[in-house]
Amino acid sequence: SSTSALRWEVGAVSECGIREWNEDSYLIASNLQDALNTKGGYETVWRDDENHQAGLFALFDGHLGNHAARFAAEKLPQFIYD
């Protein structure tokens, strides 16, 4: 089996706009399977290839509060899995 030499370095920066606080949220899951496992109750997503690793990266723009952006960042991995 072959493995990739590619390694990811991931970060995020968010800048406050005209409001007093930042309403954006982001999701960084460089290993989606590990992110799902921390939530508990999820089976292995990829059974065929033990070397397979998928990531999930998303930015959610907050509007009139950060509730929807935070909710989306917290629930998106579960929504994709289901």
Protein backbone atom coordinates (compact mmCIF):
# COMPACT_ATOMS: atom_id res chain seq x y z
CA SER A 1 0.00 0.00 0.00
CA SER A 2 1.23 3.48 -0.77
CA THR A 3 0.98 6.49 1.47
CA SER A 4 1.08 10.12 0.50
CA ALA A 5 3.97 12.32 1.55
CA LEU A 6 1.61 15.29 1.61
CA ARG A 7 1.18 16.79 5.08
CA TRP A 8 -1.32 19.50 5.93
CA GLU A 9 -0.75 22.55 8.07
CA VAL A 10 -4.04 24.28 8.74
CA GLY A 11 -4.99 27.49 10.45
CA ALA A 12 -7.72 30.07 10.44
CA VAL A 13 -7.89 33.83 10.75
CA SER A 14 -11.06 35.84 11.08
CA GLU A 15 -11.22 39.61 11.23
CA CYS A 16 -13.92 41.63 12.93
CA GLY A 17 -15.86 43.83 10.54
CA ILE A 18 -18.00 46.84 11.43
CA ARG A 19 -19.65 45.19 14.44
CA GLU A 20 -18.18 45.24 17.94
CA TRP A 21 -17.50 41.49 17.90
CA ASN A 22 -16.79 38.79 15.36
CA GLU A 23 -19.86 36.74 14.39
CA ASP A 24 -18.12 34.24 12.10
CA SER A 25 -17.42 30.60 12.92
CA TYR A 26 -15.20 28.06 11.23
CA LEU A 27 -14.73 24.33 11.20
CA ILE A 28 -11.37 22.64 10.79
CA ALA A 29 -11.38 18.85 10.80
CA SER A 30 -8.15 17.69 9.18
CA ASN A 31 -9.25 14.11 9.90
CA LEU A 32 -13.02 13.87 9.57
CA GLN A 33 -13.18 10.33 10.95
CA ASP A 34 -11.40 11.40 14.15
CA ALA A 35 -13.75 14.38 14.46
CA LEU A 36 -16.76 12.09 14.19
CA ASN A 37 -15.27 9.63 16.69
CA THR A 38 -14.94 12.37 19.32
CA LYS A 39 -18.71 12.89 19.08
CA GLY A 40 -19.25 9.17 19.77
CA GLY A 41 -21.61 6.68 18.25
CA TYR A 42 -20.32 6.86 14.68
CA GLU A 43 -19.19 3.83 12.72
CA THR A 44 -16.08 3.96 10.60
CA VAL A 45 -16.94 5.90 7.48
CA TRP A 46 -14.25 4.38 5.25
CA ARG A 47 -13.94 0.64 5.60
CA ASP A 48 -12.26 -0.15 2.28
CA ASP A 49 -9.05 1.83 2.58
CA GLU A 50 -7.26 2.18 5.89
CA ASN A 51 -5.02 4.86 4.38
CA HIS A 52 -7.97 7.02 3.37
CA GLN A 53 -8.28 10.25 5.30
CA ALA A 54 -10.74 13.01 4.54
CA GLY A 55 -10.82 16.51 5.93
CA LEU A 56 -13.57 19.06 6.25
CA PHE A 57 -12.92 22.80 6.22
CA ALA A 58 -15.68 25.39 6.31
CA LEU A 59 -16.28 29.06 7.11
CA PHE A 60 -19.67 30.27 8.30
CA ASP A 61 -20.44 33.97 7.99
CA GLY A 62 -22.40 35.30 10.94
CA HIS A 63 -25.22 37.74 10.30
CA LEU A 64 -27.04 39.58 13.08
CA GLY A 65 -25.45 37.28 15.65
CA ASN A 66 -23.31 34.18 15.64
CA HIS A 67 -25.94 31.59 16.61
CA ALA A 68 -26.55 30.17 13.12
CA ALA A 69 -22.84 30.19 12.25
CA ARG A 70 -21.93 28.37 15.48
CA PHE A 71 -24.74 25.86 15.01
CA ALA A 72 -23.59 25.09 11.46
CA ALA A 73 -19.96 24.64 12.55
CA GLU A 74 -20.99 22.25 15.32
CA LYS A 75 -23.53 20.20 13.33
CA LEU A 76 -22.10 19.97 9.79
CA PRO A 77 -19.93 16.85 10.32
CA GLN A 78 -22.90 14.97 11.82
CA PHE A 79 -25.19 16.17 9.02
CA ILE A 80 -22.73 14.95 6.36
CA TYR A 81 -22.35 11.59 8.09
CA ASP A 82 -26.09 11.04 8.48
